[in-house]
C-alpha cells in the first residue's frame, strides 16, 4: 500500500507534488519510529521471559533474526528450562513440592 502511494506521487504529472512527497516522508519517518518502539518493547519482553526461564537474556536478540526466532520459540516451548531442572534437583528429582520445616 505504501508503495502504491509512493508510485502515485512519483508518476503524477501535477507540478504540486512537493507537499505530497513531504507528507509521505513524514509518514514514513513516523512509521519507522513506531516500528522501532514496538521492536524495543518486544525485545524487553523476550529478555524477561528468557531470564525467568533460566536462559541468558541475550537469547531475546535472536528473535530479530528471521527463521531463528521460530527455532527459539520451539526451544522455549518443548525443552526443559534450566529453571525447571534446578527446581527438580532441589526437590530431589521426585517432582513433589517441598514440605516446610517446622
PDB file of N, CA and C in Angstrom:
ATOM      1  N   UNK A   1       0.821  -1.179   0.000  1.00  0.00           N
ATOM      2  CA  UNK A   1       0.000   0.000   0.000  1.00  0.00           C
ATOM      3  C   UNK A   1       0.872   1.251   0.000  1.00  0.00           C
ATOM      4  N   UNK A   2       1.940   1.227   0.770  1.00  0.00           N
ATOM      5  CA  UNK A   2       2.838   2.375   0.810  1.00  0.00           C
ATOM      6  C   UNK A   2       3.522   2.550  -0.546  1.00  0.00           C
ATOM      7  N   UNK A   3       3.830   1.446  -1.164  1.00  0.00           N
ATOM      8  CA  UNK A   3       4.489   1.500  -2.476  1.00  0.00           C
ATOM      9  C   UNK A   3       3.557   2.119  -3.507  1.00  0.00           C
ATOM     10  N   UNK A   4       2.268   1.807  -3.433  1.00  0.00           N
ATOM     11  CA  UNK A   4       1.306   2.373  -4.378  1.00  0.00           C
ATOM     12  C   UNK A   4       1.218   3.888  -4.203  1.00  0.00           C
ATOM     13  N   UNK A   5       1.189   4.344  -2.960  1.00  0.00           N
ATOM     14  CA  UNK A   5       1.123   5.789  -2.707  1.00  0.00           C
ATOM     15  C   UNK A   5       2.378   6.485  -3.217  1.00  0.00           C
ATOM     16  N   UNK A   6       3.533   5.852  -3.002  1.00  0.00           N
ATOM     17  CA  UNK A   6       4.776   6.439  -3.472  1.00  0.00           C
ATOM     18  C   UNK A   6       4.815   6.495  -4.996  1.00  0.00           C
ATOM     19  N   UNK A   7       4.406   5.418  -5.645  1.00  0.00           N
ATOM     20  CA  UNK A   7       4.387   5.405  -7.114  1.00  0.00           C
ATOM     21  C   UNK A   7       3.396   6.421  -7.662  1.00  0.00           C
ATOM     22  N   UNK A   8       2.265   6.585  -7.002  1.00  0.00           N
ATOM     23  CA  UNK A   8       1.288   7.579  -7.436  1.00  0.00           C
ATOM     24  C   UNK A   8       1.884   8.975  -7.377  1.00  0.00           C
ATOM     25  N   UNK A   9       2.633   9.275  -6.316  1.00  0.00           N
ATOM     26  CA  UNK A   9       3.256  10.597  -6.207  1.00  0.00           C
ATOM     27  C   UNK A   9       4.339  10.792  -7.257  1.00  0.00           C
ATOM     28  N   UNK A  10       5.109   9.732  -7.514  1.00  0.00           N
ATOM     29  CA  UNK A  10       6.197   9.861  -8.468  1.00  0.00           C
ATOM     30  C   UNK A  10       5.697   9.976  -9.907  1.00  0.00           C
ATOM     31  N   UNK A  11       4.613   9.297 -10.225  1.00  0.00           N
ATOM     32  CA  UNK A  11       4.116   9.278 -11.596  1.00  0.00           C
ATOM     33  C   UNK A  11       3.087  10.366 -11.866  1.00  0.00           C
ATOM     34  N   UNK A  12       2.745  11.154 -10.871  1.00  0.00           N
ATOM     35  CA  UNK A  12       1.760  12.215 -11.034  1.00  0.00           C
ATOM     36  C   UNK A  12       2.352  13.327 -11.890  1.00  0.00           C
ATOM     37  N   UNK A  13       1.581  13.774 -12.865  1.00  0.00           N
ATOM     38  CA  UNK A  13       2.042  14.847 -13.747  1.00  0.00           C
ATOM     39  C   UNK A  13       1.823  16.231 -13.143  1.00  0.00           C
ATOM     40  N   UNK A  14       1.151  16.309 -12.053  1.00  0.00           N
ATOM     41  CA  UNK A  14       0.871  17.584 -11.413  1.00  0.00           C
ATOM     42  C   UNK A  14       2.179  18.175 -10.883  1.00  0.00           C
ATOM     43  N   UNK A  15       2.315  19.469 -10.962  1.00  0.00           N
ATOM     44  CA  UNK A  15       3.538  20.117 -10.515  1.00  0.00           C
ATOM     45  C   UNK A  15       3.562  20.320  -9.007  1.00  0.00           C
ATOM     46  N   UNK A  16       2.459  20.094  -8.324  1.00  0.00           N
ATOM     47  CA  UNK A  16       2.373  20.327  -6.890  1.00  0.00           C
ATOM     48  C   UNK A  16       2.547  19.014  -6.116  1.00  0.00           C
ATOM     49  N   UNK A  17       3.637  18.307  -6.372  1.00  0.00           N
ATOM     50  CA  UNK A  17       3.868  17.045  -5.669  1.00  0.00           C
ATOM     51  C   UNK A  17       4.842  17.208  -4.509  1.00  0.00           C
ATOM     52  N   UNK A  18       5.413  18.384  -4.335  1.00  0.00           N
ATOM     53  CA  UNK A  18       6.368  18.588  -3.243  1.00  0.00           C
ATOM     54  C   UNK A  18       5.685  18.418  -1.886  1.00  0.00           C
ATOM     55  N   UNK A  19       4.486  18.931  -1.743  1.00  0.00           N
ATOM     56  CA  UNK A  19       3.754  18.796  -0.479  1.00  0.00           C
ATOM     57  C   UNK A  19       3.398  17.348  -0.197  1.00  0.00           C
ATOM     58  N   UNK A  20       2.982  16.638  -1.231  1.00  0.00           N
ATOM     59  CA  UNK A  20       2.640  15.229  -1.065  1.00  0.00           C
ATOM     60  C   UNK A  20       3.859  14.394  -0.732  1.00  0.00           C
ATOM     61  N   UNK A  21       4.970  14.699  -1.362  1.00  0.00           N
ATOM     62  CA  UNK A  21       6.208  13.977  -1.080  1.00  0.00           C
ATOM     63  C   UNK A  21       6.674  14.239   0.343  1.00  0.00           C
ATOM     64  N   UNK A  22       6.549  15.468   0.795  1.00  0.00           N
ATOM     65  CA  UNK A  22       6.936  15.798   2.170  1.00  0.00           C
ATOM     66  C   UNK A  22       6.022  15.082   3.160  1.00  0.00           C
ATOM     67  N   UNK A  23       4.734  15.023   2.863  1.00  0.00           N
ATOM     68  CA  UNK A  23       3.802  14.321   3.748  1.00  0.00           C
ATOM     69  C   UNK A  23       4.116  12.839   3.795  1.00  0.00           C
ATOM     70  N   UNK A  24       4.434  12.275   2.646  1.00  0.00           N
ATOM     71  CA  UNK A  24       4.782  10.858   2.605  1.00  0.00           C
ATOM     72  C   UNK A  24       6.069  10.591   3.372  1.00  0.00           C
ATOM     73  N   UNK A  25       7.039  11.481   3.265  1.00  0.00           N
ATOM     74  CA  UNK A  25       8.285  11.342   4.018  1.00  0.00           C
ATOM     75  C   UNK A  25       8.046  11.417   5.514  1.00  0.00           C
ATOM     76  N   UNK A  26       7.170  12.331   5.943  1.00  0.00           N
ATOM     77  CA  UNK A  26       6.843  12.447   7.365  1.00  0.00           C
ATOM     78  C   UNK A  26       6.131  11.189   7.848  1.00  0.00           C
ATOM     79  N   UNK A  27       5.250  10.643   7.005  1.00  0.00           N
ATOM     80  CA  UNK A  27       4.557   9.414   7.374  1.00  0.00           C
ATOM     81  C   UNK A  27       5.551   8.275   7.556  1.00  0.00           C
ATOM     82  N   UNK A  28       6.481   8.113   6.608  1.00  0.00           N
ATOM     83  CA  UNK A  28       7.465   7.029   6.714  1.00  0.00           C
ATOM     84  C   UNK A  28       8.368   7.210   7.928  1.00  0.00           C
ATOM     85  N   UNK A  29       8.709   8.434   8.282  1.00  0.00           N
ATOM     86  CA  UNK A  29       9.528   8.678   9.471  1.00  0.00           C
ATOM     87  C   UNK A  29       8.766   8.279  10.736  1.00  0.00           C
ATOM     88  N   UNK A  30       7.495   8.656  10.827  1.00  0.00           N
ATOM     89  CA  UNK A  30       6.685   8.291  11.984  1.00  0.00           C
ATOM     90  C   UNK A  30       6.475   6.778  12.037  1.00  0.00           C
ATOM     91  N   UNK A  31       6.261   6.169  10.894  1.00  0.00           N
ATOM     92  CA  UNK A  31       6.065   4.716  10.818  1.00  0.00           C
ATOM     93  C   UNK A  31       7.335   3.991  11.268  1.00  0.00           C
ATOM     94  N   UNK A  32       8.495   4.454  10.835  1.00  0.00           N
ATOM     95  CA  UNK A  32       9.770   3.852  11.219  1.00  0.00           C
ATOM     96  C   UNK A  32       9.985   3.977  12.726  1.00  0.00           C
ATOM     97  N   UNK A  33       9.670   5.123  13.287  1.00  0.00           N
ATOM     98  CA  UNK A  33       9.800   5.333  14.734  1.00  0.00           C
ATOM     99  C   UNK A  33       8.873   4.388  15.500  1.00  0.00           C
ATOM    100  N   UNK A  34       7.645   4.219  15.017  1.00  0.00           N
ATOM    101  CA  UNK A  34       6.691   3.312  15.637  1.00  0.00           C
ATOM    102  C   UNK A  34       7.214   1.877  15.621  1.00  0.00           C
ATOM    103  N   UNK A  35       7.760   1.434  14.512  1.00  0.00           N
ATOM    104  CA  UNK A  35       8.297   0.080  14.387  1.00  0.00           C
ATOM    105  C   UNK A  35       9.472  -0.116  15.348  1.00  0.00           C
ATOM    106  N   UNK A  36      10.337   0.866  15.476  1.00  0.00           N
ATOM    107  CA  UNK A  36      11.480   0.775  16.389  1.00  0.00           C
ATOM    108  C   UNK A  36      10.984   0.653  17.840  1.00  0.00           C
ATOM    109  N   UNK A  37       9.987   1.438  18.214  1.00  0.00           N
ATOM    110  CA  UNK A  37       9.457   1.384  19.576  1.00  0.00           C
ATOM    111  C   UNK A  37       8.862   0.006  19.859  1.00  0.00           C
ATOM    112  N   UNK A  38       8.101  -0.533  18.927  1.00  0.00           N
ATOM    113  CA  UNK A  38       7.495  -1.855  19.101  1.00  0.00           C
ATOM    114  C   UNK A  38       8.585  -2.921  19.212  1.00  0.00           C
ATOM    115  N   UNK A  39       9.639  -2.827  18.408  1.00  0.00           N
ATOM    116  CA  UNK A  39      10.728  -3.809  18.459  1.00  0.00           C
ATOM    117  C   UNK A  39      11.447  -3.755  19.806  1.00  0.00           C
ATOM    118  N   UNK A  40      11.682  -2.573  20.325  1.00  0.00           N
ATOM    119  CA  UNK A  40      12.361  -2.439  21.620  1.00  0.00           C
ATOM    120  C   UNK A  40      11.498  -3.033  22.737  1.00  0.00           C
ATOM    121  N   UNK A  41      10.204  -2.762  22.710  1.00  0.00           N
ATOM    122  CA  UNK A  41       9.307  -3.322  23.718  1.00  0.00           C
ATOM    123  C   UNK A  41       9.292  -4.840  23.636  1.00  0.00           C
ATOM    124  N   UNK A  42       9.260  -5.385  22.418  1.00  0.00           N
ATOM    125  CA  UNK A  42       9.257  -6.841  22.232  1.00  0.00           C
ATOM    126  C   UNK A  42      10.552  -7.455  22.754  1.00  0.00           C
ATOM    127  N   UNK A  43      11.682  -6.809  22.483  1.00  0.00           N
ATOM    128  CA  UNK A  43      12.967  -7.346  22.955  1.00  0.00           C
ATOM    129  C   UNK A  43      13.007  -7.359  24.485  1.00  0.00           C
ATOM    130  N   UNK A  44      12.513  -6.300  25.106  1.00  0.00           N
ATOM    131  CA  UNK A  44      12.490  -6.249  26.571  1.00  0.00           C
ATOM    132  C   UNK A  44      11.619  -7.381  27.127  1.00  0.00           C
ATOM    133  N   UNK A  45      10.459  -7.622  26.509  1.00  0.00           N
ATOM    134  CA  UNK A  45       9.586  -8.696  26.976  1.00  0.00           C
ATOM    135  C   UNK A  45      10.252 -10.056  26.804  1.00  0.00           C
ATOM    136  N   UNK A  46      10.851 -10.294  25.635  1.00  0.00           N
ATOM    137  CA  UNK A  46      11.522 -11.574  25.395  1.00  0.00           C
ATOM    138  C   UNK A  46      12.705 -11.755  26.344  1.00  0.00           C
ATOM    139  N   UNK A  47      13.418 -10.673  26.643  1.00  0.00           N
ATOM    140  CA  UNK A  47      14.557 -10.733  27.568  1.00  0.00           C
ATOM    141  C   UNK A  47      14.080 -11.191  28.950  1.00  0.00           C
ATOM    142  N   UNK A  48      12.970 -10.628  29.413  1.00  0.00           N
ATOM    143  CA  UNK A  48      12.430 -11.005  30.728  1.00  0.00           C
ATOM    144  C   UNK A  48      11.968 -12.455  30.737  1.00  0.00           C
ATOM    145  N   UNK A  49      11.319 -12.896  29.664  1.00  0.00           N
ATOM    146  CA  UNK A  49      10.851 -14.279  29.589  1.00  0.00           C
ATOM    147  C   UNK A  49      12.029 -15.238  29.622  1.00  0.00           C
ATOM    148  N   UNK A  50      13.062 -14.954  28.827  1.00  0.00           N
ATOM    149  CA  UNK A  50      14.245 -15.827  28.787  1.00  0.00           C
ATOM    150  C   UNK A  50      14.941 -15.848  30.148  1.00  0.00           C
ATOM    151  N   UNK A  51      15.045 -14.731  30.804  1.00  0.00           N
ATOM    152  CA  UNK A  51      15.693 -14.670  32.110  1.00  0.00           C
ATOM    153  C   UNK A  51      14.915 -15.450  33.160  1.00  0.00           C
ATOM    154  N   UNK A  52      13.608 -15.330  33.144  1.00  0.00           N
ATOM    155  CA  UNK A  52      12.795 -16.051  34.113  1.00  0.00           C
ATOM    156  C   UNK A  52      12.825 -17.553  33.866  1.00  0.00           C
ATOM    157  N   UNK A  53      13.042 -17.950  32.613  1.00  0.00           N
ATOM    158  CA  UNK A  53      13.119 -19.377  32.290  1.00  0.00           C
ATOM    159  C   UNK A  53      14.484 -19.955  32.615  1.00  0.00           C
ATOM    160  N   UNK A  54      15.462 -19.106  32.890  1.00  0.00           N
ATOM    161  CA  UNK A  54      16.796 -19.581  33.230  1.00  0.00           C
ATOM    162  C   UNK A  54      17.776 -19.522  32.073  1.00  0.00           C
ATOM    163  N   UNK A  55      17.345 -19.011  30.943  1.00  0.00           N
ATOM    164  CA  UNK A  55      18.230 -18.845  29.787  1.00  0.00           C
ATOM    165  C   UNK A  55      18.869 -17.460  29.833  1.00  0.00           C
ATOM    166  N   UNK A  56      19.981 -17.275  29.127  1.00  0.00           N
ATOM    167  CA  UNK A  56      20.548 -15.922  29.053  1.00  0.00           C
ATOM    168  C   UNK A  56      19.566 -14.968  28.362  1.00  0.00           C
ATOM    169  N   UNK A  57      19.454 -13.771  28.878  1.00  0.00           N
ATOM    170  CA  UNK A  57      18.548 -12.793  28.302  1.00  0.00           C
ATOM    171  C   UNK A  57      18.904 -12.404  26.884  1.00  0.00           C
ATOM    172  N   UNK A  58      20.176 -12.598  26.511  1.00  0.00           N
ATOM    173  CA  UNK A  58      20.612 -12.236  25.162  1.00  0.00           C
ATOM    174  C   UNK A  58      19.954 -13.102  24.094  1.00  0.00           C
ATOM    175  N   UNK A  59      19.332 -14.221  24.495  1.00  0.00           N
ATOM    176  CA  UNK A  59      18.591 -15.029  23.520  1.00  0.00           C
ATOM    177  C   UNK A  59      17.482 -14.211  22.881  1.00  0.00           C
ATOM    178  N   UNK A  60      17.019 -13.182  23.572  1.00  0.00           N
ATOM    179  CA  UNK A  60      15.942 -12.365  23.034  1.00  0.00           C
ATOM    180  C   UNK A  60      16.375 -11.629  21.767  1.00  0.00           C
ATOM    181  N   UNK A  61      17.650 -11.359  21.628  1.00  0.00           N
ATOM    182  CA  UNK A  61      18.130 -10.688  20.415  1.00  0.00           C
ATOM    183  C   UNK A  61      18.016 -11.591  19.192  1.00  0.00           C
ATOM    184  N   UNK A  62      18.005 -12.898  19.419  1.00  0.00           N
ATOM    185  CA  UNK A  62      17.835 -13.827  18.303  1.00  0.00           C
ATOM    186  C   UNK A  62      16.427 -13.767  17.733  1.00  0.00           C
ATOM    187  N   UNK A  63      15.498 -13.191  18.473  1.00  0.00           N
ATOM    188  CA  UNK A  63      14.136 -13.059  17.969  1.00  0.00           C
ATOM    189  C   UNK A  63      14.057 -12.070  16.810  1.00  0.00           C
ATOM    190  N   UNK A  64      15.104 -11.295  16.589  1.00  0.00           N
ATOM    191  CA  UNK A  64      15.135 -10.358  15.467  1.00  0.00           C
ATOM    192  C   UNK A  64      15.545 -11.028  14.158  1.00  0.00           C
ATOM    193  N   UNK A  65      16.112 -12.231  14.237  1.00  0.00           N
ATOM    194  CA  UNK A  65      16.608 -12.927  13.052  1.00  0.00           C
ATOM    195  C   UNK A  65      15.504 -13.833  12.515  1.00  0.00           C
ATOM    196  N   UNK A  66      15.081 -13.631  11.275  1.00  0.00           N
ATOM    197  CA  UNK A  66      14.031 -14.489  10.716  1.00  0.00           C
ATOM    198  C   UNK A  66      14.458 -15.956  10.711  1.00  0.00           C
ATOM    199  N   UNK A  67      13.528 -16.820  10.903  1.00  0.00           N
ATOM    200  CA  UNK A  67      13.665 -18.277  10.999  1.00  0.00           C
ATOM    201  C   UNK A  67      14.352 -18.715  12.287  1.00  0.00           C
ATOM    202  N   UNK A  68      15.343 -17.978  12.746  1.00  0.00           N
ATOM    203  CA  UNK A  68      15.971 -18.311  14.023  1.00  0.00           C
ATOM    204  C   UNK A  68      14.972 -18.056  15.143  1.00  0.00           C
ATOM    205  N   UNK A  69      14.125 -17.034  14.983  1.00  0.00           N
ATOM    206  CA  UNK A  69      13.128 -16.748  16.009  1.00  0.00           C
ATOM    207  C   UNK A  69      12.158 -17.915  16.174  1.00  0.00           C
ATOM    208  N   UNK A  70      11.836 -18.609  15.093  1.00  0.00           N
ATOM    209  CA  UNK A  70      10.971 -19.783  15.207  1.00  0.00           C
ATOM    210  C   UNK A  70      11.656 -20.903  15.975  1.00  0.00           C
ATOM    211  N   UNK A  71      12.948 -21.080  15.739  1.00  0.00           N
ATOM    212  CA  UNK A  71      13.703 -22.111  16.443  1.00  0.00           C
ATOM    213  C   UNK A  71      13.759 -21.793  17.934  1.00  0.00           C
ATOM    214  N   UNK A  72      13.939 -20.530  18.285  1.00  0.00           N
ATOM    215  CA  UNK A  72      13.990 -20.134  19.695  1.00  0.00           C
ATOM    216  C   UNK A  72      12.641 -20.374  20.373  1.00  0.00           C
ATOM    217  N   UNK A  73      11.551 -20.056  19.693  1.00  0.00           N
ATOM    218  CA  UNK A  73      10.223 -20.290  20.275  1.00  0.00           C
ATOM    219  C   UNK A  73       9.997 -21.785  20.476  1.00  0.00           C
ATOM    220  N   UNK A  74      10.394 -22.605  19.501  1.00  0.00           N
ATOM    221  CA  UNK A  74      10.268 -24.055  19.641  1.00  0.00           C
ATOM    222  C   UNK A  74      11.140 -24.548  20.796  1.00  0.00           C
ATOM    223  N   UNK A  75      12.335 -24.004  20.929  1.00  0.00           N
ATOM    224  CA  UNK A  75      13.216 -24.370  22.033  1.00  0.00           C
ATOM    225  C   UNK A  75      12.565 -24.059  23.379  1.00  0.00           C
ATOM    226  N   UNK A  76      11.999 -22.873  23.500  1.00  0.00           N
ATOM    227  CA  UNK A  76      11.340 -22.495  24.744  1.00  0.00           C
ATOM    228  C   UNK A  76      10.120 -23.371  25.021  1.00  0.00           C
ATOM    229  N   UNK A  77       9.416 -23.768  23.988  1.00  0.00           N
ATOM    230  CA  UNK A  77       8.166 -24.499  24.174  1.00  0.00           C
ATOM    231  C   UNK A  77       8.385 -25.970  24.513  1.00  0.00           C
ATOM    232  N   UNK A  78       9.388 -26.605  23.915  1.00  0.00           N
ATOM    233  CA  UNK A  78       9.469 -28.058  24.001  1.00  0.00           C
ATOM    234  C   UNK A  78      10.682 -28.607  24.733  1.00  0.00           C
ATOM    235  N   UNK A  79      11.554 -27.766  25.246  1.00  0.00           N
ATOM    236  CA  UNK A  79      12.680 -28.275  26.027  1.00  0.00           C
ATOM    237  C   UNK A  79      12.457 -27.966  27.502  1.00  0.00           C
ATOM    238  N   UNK A  80      13.169 -28.689  28.335  1.00  0.00           N
ATOM    239  CA  UNK A  80      13.096 -28.428  29.768  1.00  0.00           C
ATOM    240  C   UNK A  80      13.945 -27.194  30.071  1.00  0.00           C
ATOM    241  N   UNK A  81      13.337 -26.228  30.715  1.00  0.00           N
ATOM    242  CA  UNK A  81      14.025 -24.988  31.022  1.00  0.00           C
ATOM    243  C   UNK A  81      15.046 -25.231  32.128  1.00  0.00           C
ATOM    244  N   UNK A  82      16.131 -24.459  32.127  1.00  0.00           N
ATOM    245  CA  UNK A  82      17.116 -24.585  33.213  1.00  0.00           C
ATOM    246  C   UNK A  82      16.498 -24.373  34.592  1.00  0.00           C
ATOM    247  N   UNK A  83      15.536 -23.491  34.703  1.00  0.00           N
ATOM    248  CA  UNK A  83      14.905 -23.249  35.998  1.00  0.00           C
ATOM    249  C   UNK A  83      14.118 -24.480  36.442  1.00  0.00           C
ATOM    250  N   UNK A  84      13.537 -25.215  35.492  1.00  0.00           N
ATOM    251  CA  UNK A  84      12.821 -26.446  35.835  1.00  0.00           C
ATOM    252  C   UNK A  84      13.790 -27.523  36.316  1.00  0.00           C
ATOM    253  N   UNK A  85      14.950 -27.605  35.667  1.00  0.00           N
ATOM    254  CA  UNK A  85      15.967 -28.567  36.103  1.00  0.00           C
ATOM    255  C   UNK A  85      16.436 -28.251  37.524  1.00  0.00           C
ATOM    256  N   UNK A  86      16.614 -26.981  37.806  1.00  0.00           N
ATOM    257  CA  UNK A  86      17.060 -26.567  39.135  1.00  0.00           C
ATOM    258  C   UNK A  86      16.010 -26.892  40.196  1.00  0.00           C
ATOM    259  N   UNK A  87      14.755 -26.635  39.899  1.00  0.00           N
ATOM    260  CA  UNK A  87      13.684 -26.946  40.849  1.00  0.00           C
ATOM    261  C   UNK A  87      13.601 -28.451  41.068  1.00  0.00           C
ATOM    262  N   UNK A  88      13.715 -29.227  39.981  1.00  0.00           N
ATOM    263  CA  UNK A  88      13.666 -30.683  40.104  1.00  0.00           C
ATOM    264  C   UNK A  88      14.830 -31.201  40.950  1.00  0.00           C
ATOM    265  N   UNK A  89      16.016 -30.615  40.777  1.00  0.00           N
ATOM    266  CA  UNK A  89      17.181 -31.031  41.560  1.00  0.00           C
ATOM    267  C   UNK A  89      16.992 -30.671  43.027  1.00  0.00           C
ATOM    268  N   UNK A  90      16.415 -29.518  43.322  1.00  0.00           N
ATOM    269  CA  UNK A  90      16.188 -29.118  44.708  1.00  0.00           C
ATOM    270  C   UNK A  90      15.136 -29.979  45.388  1.00  0.00           C
ATOM    271  N   UNK A  91      14.193 -30.477  44.607  1.00  0.00           N
ATOM    272  CA  UNK A  91      13.150 -31.336  45.164  1.00  0.00           C
ATOM    273  C   UNK A  91      13.589 -32.797  45.246  1.00  0.00           C
ATOM    274  N   UNK A  92      14.749 -33.090  44.796  1.00  0.00           N
ATOM    275  CA  UNK A  92      15.244 -34.452  44.842  1.00  0.00           C
ATOM    276  C   UNK A  92      14.839 -35.283  43.643  1.00  0.00           C
ATOM    277  N   UNK A  93      14.384 -34.644  42.604  1.00  0.00           N
ATOM    278  CA  UNK A  93      14.036 -35.347  41.387  1.00  0.00           C
ATOM    279  C   UNK A  93      12.703 -36.061  41.434  1.00  0.00           C
ATOM    280  N   UNK A  94      11.992 -35.977  42.538  1.00  0.00           N
ATOM    281  CA  UNK A  94      10.727 -36.698  42.672  1.00  0.00           C
ATOM    282  C   UNK A  94       9.600 -35.942  41.994  1.00  0.00           C
ATOM    283  N   UNK A  95       9.656 -34.645  42.014  1.00  0.00           N
ATOM    284  CA  UNK A  95       8.631 -33.837  41.388  1.00  0.00           C
ATOM    285  C   UNK A  95       7.496 -33.461  42.326  1.00  0.00           C
ATOM    286  N   UNK A  96       7.656 -33.698  43.608  1.00  0.00           N
ATOM    287  CA  UNK A  96       6.627 -33.304  44.565  1.00  0.00           C
ATOM    288  C   UNK A  96       7.081 -32.021  45.263  1.00  0.00           C
ATOM    289  N   UNK A  97       6.160 -31.220  45.731  1.00  0.00           N
ATOM    290  CA  UNK A  97       6.540 -29.969  46.389  1.00  0.00           C
ATOM    291  C   UNK A  97       7.241 -30.236  47.714  1.00  0.00           C
ATOM    292  N   UNK A  98       8.127 -29.344  48.080  1.00  0.00           N
ATOM    293  CA  UNK A  98       8.849 -29.462  49.345  1.00  0.00           C
ATOM    294  C   UNK A  98       7.909 -29.140  50.494  1.00  0.00           C
ATOM    295  N   UNK A  99       8.036 -29.881  51.567  1.00  0.00           N
ATOM    296  CA  UNK A  99       7.236 -29.583  52.756  1.00  0.00           C
ATOM    297  C   UNK A  99       8.007 -28.605  53.627  1.00  0.00           C
ATOM    298  N   UNK A 100       7.310 -27.646  54.216  1.00  0.00           N
ATOM    299  CA  UNK A 100       8.022 -26.670  55.050  1.00  0.00           C
ATOM    300  C   UNK A 100       8.550 -27.318  56.322  1.00  0.00           C
ATOM    301  N   UNK A 101       9.698 -26.854  56.761  1.00  0.00           N
ATOM    302  CA  UNK A 101      10.311 -27.352  58.005  1.00  0.00           C
ATOM    303  C   UNK A 101       9.676 -26.610  59.174  1.00  0.00           C
ATOM    304  N   UNK A 102       9.146 -27.363  60.121  1.00  0.00           N
ATOM    305  CA  UNK A 102       8.508 -26.720  61.285  1.00  0.00           C
ATOM    306  C   UNK A 102       9.268 -27.002  62.551  1.00  0.00           C
TER     307      UNK A 102
END
